[in-house]
Amino acid sequence: FQDRKGEKIFEKDILFNPVFGDYWVCELDHGCWLVRLIGDNYRTLLCDVEEFEIVGNLYDNPEYDKE
């Protein structure tokens, strides 16, 4: 997968959706790529990747890992 700027998306990347102004975390679950809304438990399939932009990852920014 690649974000809207062509950067490769990896598990634990923090993604920003400029359309809605929210942040998501990329997760791999049972072979499916999902995104989890930061600050919520809502998860959905990672599909419209061209909407997202990588802004960091949970390894470097653990403060974003809130469910």
PDB file of N, CA and C in Angstrom:
ATOM      1  N   PHE A   1       0.824  -1.192   0.000  1.00  0.00           N
ATOM      2  CA  PHE A   1       0.000   0.000   0.000  1.00  0.00           C
ATOM      3  C   PHE A   1       0.862   1.247   0.000  1.00  0.00           C
ATOM      4  N   GLN A   2       0.341   2.307  -0.579  1.00  0.00           N
ATOM      5  CA  GLN A   2       1.010   3.597  -0.563  1.00  0.00           C
ATOM      6  C   GLN A   2       0.005   4.683  -0.206  1.00  0.00           C
ATOM      7  N   ASP A   3       0.500   5.722   0.485  1.00  0.00           N
ATOM      8  CA  ASP A   3      -0.381   6.834   0.825  1.00  0.00           C
ATOM      9  C   ASP A   3      -0.531   7.766  -0.378  1.00  0.00           C
ATOM     10  N   ARG A   4      -1.183   8.877  -0.177  1.00  0.00           N
ATOM     11  CA  ARG A   4      -1.450   9.794  -1.291  1.00  0.00           C
ATOM     12  C   ARG A   4      -0.204  10.454  -1.859  1.00  0.00           C
ATOM     13  N   LYS A   5       0.905  10.402  -1.111  1.00  0.00           N
ATOM     14  CA  LYS A   5       2.166  10.959  -1.583  1.00  0.00           C
ATOM     15  C   LYS A   5       3.092   9.881  -2.161  1.00  0.00           C
ATOM     16  N   GLY A   6       2.601   8.628  -2.196  1.00  0.00           N
ATOM     17  CA  GLY A   6       3.396   7.535  -2.743  1.00  0.00           C
ATOM     18  C   GLY A   6       4.308   6.859  -1.740  1.00  0.00           C
ATOM     19  N   GLU A   7       4.186   7.203  -0.447  1.00  0.00           N
ATOM     20  CA  GLU A   7       5.000   6.582   0.597  1.00  0.00           C
ATOM     21  C   GLU A   7       4.395   5.229   0.978  1.00  0.00           C
ATOM     22  N   LYS A   8       5.236   4.224   1.169  1.00  0.00           N
ATOM     23  CA  LYS A   8       4.746   2.905   1.565  1.00  0.00           C
ATOM     24  C   LYS A   8       4.173   2.944   2.976  1.00  0.00           C
ATOM     25  N   ILE A   9       3.027   2.293   3.156  1.00  0.00           N
ATOM     26  CA  ILE A   9       2.361   2.218   4.450  1.00  0.00           C
ATOM     27  C   ILE A   9       2.725   0.898   5.106  1.00  0.00           C
ATOM     28  N   PHE A  10       3.140   0.963   6.373  1.00  0.00           N
ATOM     29  CA  PHE A  10       3.497  -0.217   7.144  1.00  0.00           C
ATOM     30  C   PHE A  10       2.620  -0.315   8.387  1.00  0.00           C
ATOM     31  N   GLU A  11       2.606  -1.496   8.991  1.00  0.00           N
ATOM     32  CA  GLU A  11       1.875  -1.686  10.233  1.00  0.00           C
ATOM     33  C   GLU A  11       2.401  -0.721  11.283  1.00  0.00           C
ATOM     34  N   LYS A  12       1.507  -0.158  12.068  1.00  0.00           N
ATOM     35  CA  LYS A  12       1.781   0.802  13.144  1.00  0.00           C
ATOM     36  C   LYS A  12       2.051   2.212  12.640  1.00  0.00           C
ATOM     37  N   ASP A  13       1.877   2.447  11.331  1.00  0.00           N
ATOM     38  CA  ASP A  13       1.989   3.811  10.828  1.00  0.00           C
ATOM     39  C   ASP A  13       0.774   4.614  11.284  1.00  0.00           C
ATOM     40  N   ILE A  14       0.999   5.889  11.562  1.00  0.00           N
ATOM     41  CA  ILE A  14      -0.076   6.811  11.905  1.00  0.00           C
ATOM     42  C   ILE A  14      -0.449   7.537  10.620  1.00  0.00           C
ATOM     43  N   LEU A  15      -1.728   7.467  10.277  1.00  0.00           N
ATOM     44  CA  LEU A  15      -2.220   8.040   9.031  1.00  0.00           C
ATOM     45  C   LEU A  15      -3.178   9.186   9.323  1.00  0.00           C
ATOM     46  N   PHE A  16      -3.041  10.250   8.568  1.00  0.00           N
ATOM     47  CA  PHE A  16      -3.935  11.402   8.683  1.00  0.00           C
ATOM     48  C   PHE A  16      -4.865  11.406   7.481  1.00  0.00           C
ATOM     49  N   ASN A  17      -6.158  11.615   7.721  1.00  0.00           N
ATOM     50  CA  ASN A  17      -7.138  11.726   6.646  1.00  0.00           C
ATOM     51  C   ASN A  17      -7.531  13.195   6.526  1.00  0.00           C
ATOM     52  N   PRO A  18      -6.977  13.911   5.534  1.00  0.00           N
ATOM     53  CA  PRO A  18      -7.261  15.337   5.411  1.00  0.00           C
ATOM     54  C   PRO A  18      -8.712  15.646   5.043  1.00  0.00           C
ATOM     55  N   VAL A  19      -9.435  14.680   4.517  1.00  0.00           N
ATOM     56  CA  VAL A  19     -10.833  14.891   4.166  1.00  0.00           C
ATOM     57  C   VAL A  19     -11.667  15.136   5.426  1.00  0.00           C
ATOM     58  N   PHE A  20     -11.411  14.327   6.482  1.00  0.00           N
ATOM     59  CA  PHE A  20     -12.182  14.437   7.723  1.00  0.00           C
ATOM     60  C   PHE A  20     -11.377  15.012   8.886  1.00  0.00           C
ATOM     61  N   GLY A  21     -10.055  15.145   8.715  1.00  0.00           N
ATOM     62  CA  GLY A  21      -9.217  15.719   9.756  1.00  0.00           C
ATOM     63  C   GLY A  21      -8.975  14.795  10.935  1.00  0.00           C
ATOM     64  N   ASP A  22      -9.035  13.470  10.702  1.00  0.00           N
ATOM     65  CA  ASP A  22      -8.823  12.533  11.806  1.00  0.00           C
ATOM     66  C   ASP A  22      -7.576  11.682  11.575  1.00  0.00           C
ATOM     67  N   TYR A  23      -7.137  11.010  12.641  1.00  0.00           N
ATOM     68  CA  TYR A  23      -5.919  10.206  12.615  1.00  0.00           C
ATOM     69  C   TYR A  23      -6.260   8.740  12.847  1.00  0.00           C
ATOM     70  N   TRP A  24      -5.544   7.863  12.159  1.00  0.00           N
ATOM     71  CA  TRP A  24      -5.770   6.423  12.197  1.00  0.00           C
ATOM     72  C   TRP A  24      -4.443   5.707  12.376  1.00  0.00           C
ATOM     73  N   VAL A  25      -4.496   4.474  12.884  1.00  0.00           N
ATOM     74  CA  VAL A  25      -3.313   3.617  12.994  1.00  0.00           C
ATOM     75  C   VAL A  25      -3.528   2.418  12.084  1.00  0.00           C
ATOM     76  N   CYS A  26      -2.532   2.085  11.298  1.00  0.00           N
ATOM     77  CA  CYS A  26      -2.602   0.935  10.411  1.00  0.00           C
ATOM     78  C   CYS A  26      -2.271  -0.326  11.209  1.00  0.00           C
ATOM     79  N   GLU A  27      -3.114  -1.361  11.067  1.00  0.00           N
ATOM     80  CA  GLU A  27      -2.928  -2.615  11.788  1.00  0.00           C
ATOM     81  C   GLU A  27      -3.099  -3.788  10.829  1.00  0.00           C
ATOM     82  N   LEU A  28      -2.436  -4.878  11.132  1.00  0.00           N
ATOM     83  CA  LEU A  28      -2.599  -6.122  10.393  1.00  0.00           C
ATOM     84  C   LEU A  28      -3.277  -7.115  11.319  1.00  0.00           C
ATOM     85  N   ASP A  29      -4.429  -7.645  10.906  1.00  0.00           N
ATOM     86  CA  ASP A  29      -5.196  -8.559  11.748  1.00  0.00           C
ATOM     87  C   ASP A  29      -5.665  -9.740  10.905  1.00  0.00           C
ATOM     88  N   HIS A  30      -5.151 -10.912  11.204  1.00  0.00           N
ATOM     89  CA  HIS A  30      -5.511 -12.138  10.489  1.00  0.00           C
ATOM     90  C   HIS A  30      -5.325 -11.992   8.975  1.00  0.00           C
ATOM     91  N   GLY A  31      -4.259 -11.341   8.564  1.00  0.00           N
ATOM     92  CA  GLY A  31      -3.947 -11.185   7.151  1.00  0.00           C
ATOM     93  C   GLY A  31      -4.673 -10.056   6.458  1.00  0.00           C
ATOM     94  N   CYS A  32      -5.457  -9.273   7.173  1.00  0.00           N
ATOM     95  CA  CYS A  32      -6.190  -8.142   6.587  1.00  0.00           C
ATOM     96  C   CYS A  32      -5.613  -6.826   7.107  1.00  0.00           C
ATOM     97  N   TRP A  33      -5.440  -5.879   6.213  1.00  0.00           N
ATOM     98  CA  TRP A  33      -4.990  -4.550   6.615  1.00  0.00           C
ATOM     99  C   TRP A  33      -6.192  -3.745   7.072  1.00  0.00           C
ATOM    100  N   LEU A  34      -6.098  -3.231   8.296  1.00  0.00           N
ATOM    101  CA  LEU A  34      -7.158  -2.439   8.901  1.00  0.00           C
ATOM    102  C   LEU A  34      -6.591  -1.104   9.348  1.00  0.00           C
ATOM    103  N   VAL A  35      -7.474  -0.142   9.563  1.00  0.00           N
ATOM    104  CA  VAL A  35      -7.091   1.099  10.224  1.00  0.00           C
ATOM    105  C   VAL A  35      -8.004   1.281  11.423  1.00  0.00           C
ATOM    106  N   ARG A  36      -7.409   1.763  12.513  1.00  0.00           N
ATOM    107  CA  ARG A  36      -8.156   2.010  13.754  1.00  0.00           C
ATOM    108  C   ARG A  36      -8.135   3.506  14.026  1.00  0.00           C
ATOM    109  N   LEU A  37      -9.298   4.063  14.255  1.00  0.00           N
ATOM    110  CA  LEU A  37      -9.411   5.484  14.562  1.00  0.00           C
ATOM    111  C   LEU A  37      -8.761   5.756  15.908  1.00  0.00           C
ATOM    112  N   ILE A  38      -7.810   6.681  15.948  1.00  0.00           N
ATOM    113  CA  ILE A  38      -7.121   7.000  17.199  1.00  0.00           C
ATOM    114  C   ILE A  38      -8.102   7.651  18.163  1.00  0.00           C
ATOM    115  N   GLY A  39      -8.079   7.170  19.400  1.00  0.00           N
ATOM    116  CA  GLY A  39      -8.976   7.676  20.419  1.00  0.00           C
ATOM    117  C   GLY A  39     -10.302   6.956  20.448  1.00  0.00           C
ATOM    118  N   ASP A  40     -10.421   5.912  19.634  1.00  0.00           N
ATOM    119  CA  ASP A  40     -11.666   5.160  19.540  1.00  0.00           C
ATOM    120  C   ASP A  40     -11.307   3.705  19.271  1.00  0.00           C
ATOM    121  N   ASN A  41     -12.256   2.834  19.357  1.00  0.00           N
ATOM    122  CA  ASN A  41     -12.018   1.426  19.086  1.00  0.00           C
ATOM    123  C   ASN A  41     -12.512   1.054  17.692  1.00  0.00           C
ATOM    124  N   TYR A  42     -13.007   2.030  16.920  1.00  0.00           N
ATOM    125  CA  TYR A  42     -13.551   1.779  15.595  1.00  0.00           C
ATOM    126  C   TYR A  42     -12.448   1.336  14.637  1.00  0.00           C
ATOM    127  N   ARG A  43     -12.666   0.208  13.967  1.00  0.00           N
ATOM    128  CA  ARG A  43     -11.720  -0.313  12.978  1.00  0.00           C
ATOM    129  C   ARG A  43     -12.450  -0.597  11.682  1.00  0.00           C
ATOM    130  N   THR A  44     -11.753  -0.425  10.563  1.00  0.00           N
ATOM    131  CA  THR A  44     -12.321  -0.699   9.258  1.00  0.00           C
ATOM    132  C   THR A  44     -11.210  -1.165   8.328  1.00  0.00           C
ATOM    133  N   LEU A  45     -11.594  -1.781   7.229  1.00  0.00           N
ATOM    134  CA  LEU A  45     -10.607  -2.217   6.246  1.00  0.00           C
ATOM    135  C   LEU A  45      -9.895  -1.013   5.658  1.00  0.00           C
ATOM    136  N   LEU A  46      -8.606  -1.189   5.383  1.00  0.00           N
ATOM    137  CA  LEU A  46      -7.825  -0.131   4.738  1.00  0.00           C
ATOM    138  C   LEU A  46      -8.080  -0.224   3.247  1.00  0.00           C
ATOM    139  N   CYS A  47      -8.846   0.705   2.713  1.00  0.00           N
ATOM    140  CA  CYS A  47      -9.186   0.624   1.295  1.00  0.00           C
ATOM    141  C   CYS A  47      -8.810   1.902   0.549  1.00  0.00           C
ATOM    142  N   ASP A  48      -9.353   3.025   0.895  1.00  0.00           N
ATOM    143  CA  ASP A  48      -9.087   4.264   0.164  1.00  0.00           C
ATOM    144  C   ASP A  48      -7.786   4.899   0.630  1.00  0.00           C
ATOM    145  N   VAL A  49      -6.665   4.196   0.369  1.00  0.00           N
ATOM    146  CA  VAL A  49      -5.372   4.665   0.870  1.00  0.00           C
ATOM    147  C   VAL A  49      -4.951   5.990   0.260  1.00  0.00           C
ATOM    148  N   GLU A  50      -5.478   6.328  -0.914  1.00  0.00           N
ATOM    149  CA  GLU A  50      -5.085   7.588  -1.537  1.00  0.00           C
ATOM    150  C   GLU A  50      -5.606   8.792  -0.759  1.00  0.00           C
ATOM    151  N   GLU A  51      -6.507   8.564   0.199  1.00  0.00           N
ATOM    152  CA  GLU A  51      -6.996   9.653   1.042  1.00  0.00           C
ATOM    153  C   GLU A  51      -6.059   9.918   2.220  1.00  0.00           C
ATOM    154  N   PHE A  52      -5.249   8.932   2.603  1.00  0.00           N
ATOM    155  CA  PHE A  52      -4.431   9.031   3.805  1.00  0.00           C
ATOM    156  C   PHE A  52      -3.031   9.565   3.520  1.00  0.00           C
ATOM    157  N   GLU A  53      -2.436  10.142   4.571  1.00  0.00           N
ATOM    158  CA  GLU A  53      -1.062  10.627   4.512  1.00  0.00           C
ATOM    159  C   GLU A  53      -0.349  10.160   5.777  1.00  0.00           C
ATOM    160  N   ILE A  54       0.805   9.526   5.620  1.00  0.00           N
ATOM    161  CA  ILE A  54       1.575   9.065   6.773  1.00  0.00           C
ATOM    162  C   ILE A  54       2.150  10.274   7.503  1.00  0.00           C
ATOM    163  N   VAL A  55       1.941  10.308   8.825  1.00  0.00           N
ATOM    164  CA  VAL A  55       2.470  11.416   9.629  1.00  0.00           C
ATOM    165  C   VAL A  55       3.408  10.913  10.727  1.00  0.00           C
ATOM    166  N   GLY A  56       3.639   9.618  10.798  1.00  0.00           N
ATOM    167  CA  GLY A  56       4.527   9.046  11.808  1.00  0.00           C
ATOM    168  C   GLY A  56       4.192   7.589  12.031  1.00  0.00           C
ATOM    169  N   ASN A  57       4.682   7.058  13.154  1.00  0.00           N
ATOM    170  CA  ASN A  57       4.374   5.679  13.520  1.00  0.00           C
ATOM    171  C   ASN A  57       4.318   5.565  15.037  1.00  0.00           C
ATOM    172  N   LEU A  58       3.748   4.460  15.506  1.00  0.00           N
ATOM    173  CA  LEU A  58       3.586   4.280  16.958  1.00  0.00           C
ATOM    174  C   LEU A  58       4.902   4.007  17.671  1.00  0.00           C
ATOM    175  N   TYR A  59       5.894   3.529  16.947  1.00  0.00           N
ATOM    176  CA  TYR A  59       7.197   3.272  17.578  1.00  0.00           C
ATOM    177  C   TYR A  59       7.843   4.585  18.025  1.00  0.00           C
ATOM    178  N   ASP A  60       7.740   5.607  17.181  1.00  0.00           N
ATOM    179  CA  ASP A  60       8.324   6.912  17.500  1.00  0.00           C
ATOM    180  C   ASP A  60       7.359   7.834  18.248  1.00  0.00           C
ATOM    181  N   ASN A  61       6.069   7.524  18.198  1.00  0.00           N
ATOM    182  CA  ASN A  61       5.038   8.374  18.799  1.00  0.00           C
ATOM    183  C   ASN A  61       4.042   7.540  19.602  1.00  0.00           C
ATOM    184  N   PRO A  62       4.480   6.882  20.676  1.00  0.00           N
ATOM    185  CA  PRO A  62       3.580   5.991  21.424  1.00  0.00           C
ATOM    186  C   PRO A  62       2.399   6.716  22.074  1.00  0.00           C
ATOM    187  N   GLU A  63       2.470   8.016  22.217  1.00  0.00           N
ATOM    188  CA  GLU A  63       1.374   8.773  22.825  1.00  0.00           C
ATOM    189  C   GLU A  63       0.098   8.733  21.964  1.00  0.00           C
ATOM    190  N   TYR A  64       0.228   8.363  20.691  1.00  0.00           N
ATOM    191  CA  TYR A  64      -0.941   8.243  19.823  1.00  0.00           C
ATOM    192  C   TYR A  64      -1.695   6.935  20.015  1.00  0.00           C
ATOM    193  N   ASP A  65      -1.113   5.991  20.727  1.00  0.00           N
ATOM    194  CA  ASP A  65      -1.728   4.663  20.869  1.00  0.00           C
ATOM    195  C   ASP A  65      -2.775   4.692  21.979  1.00  0.00           C
ATOM    196  N   LYS A  66      -3.926   5.282  21.660  1.00  0.00           N
ATOM    197  CA  LYS A  66      -5.032   5.389  22.611  1.00  0.00           C
ATOM    198  C   LYS A  66      -6.232   4.680  22.027  1.00  0.00           C
ATOM    199  N   GLU A  67      -6.829   3.781  22.799  1.00  0.00           N
ATOM    200  CA  GLU A  67      -8.050   3.112  22.339  1.00  0.00           C
ATOM    201  C   GLU A  67      -9.190   3.553  23.212  1.00  0.00           C
TER     202      GLU A  67
END
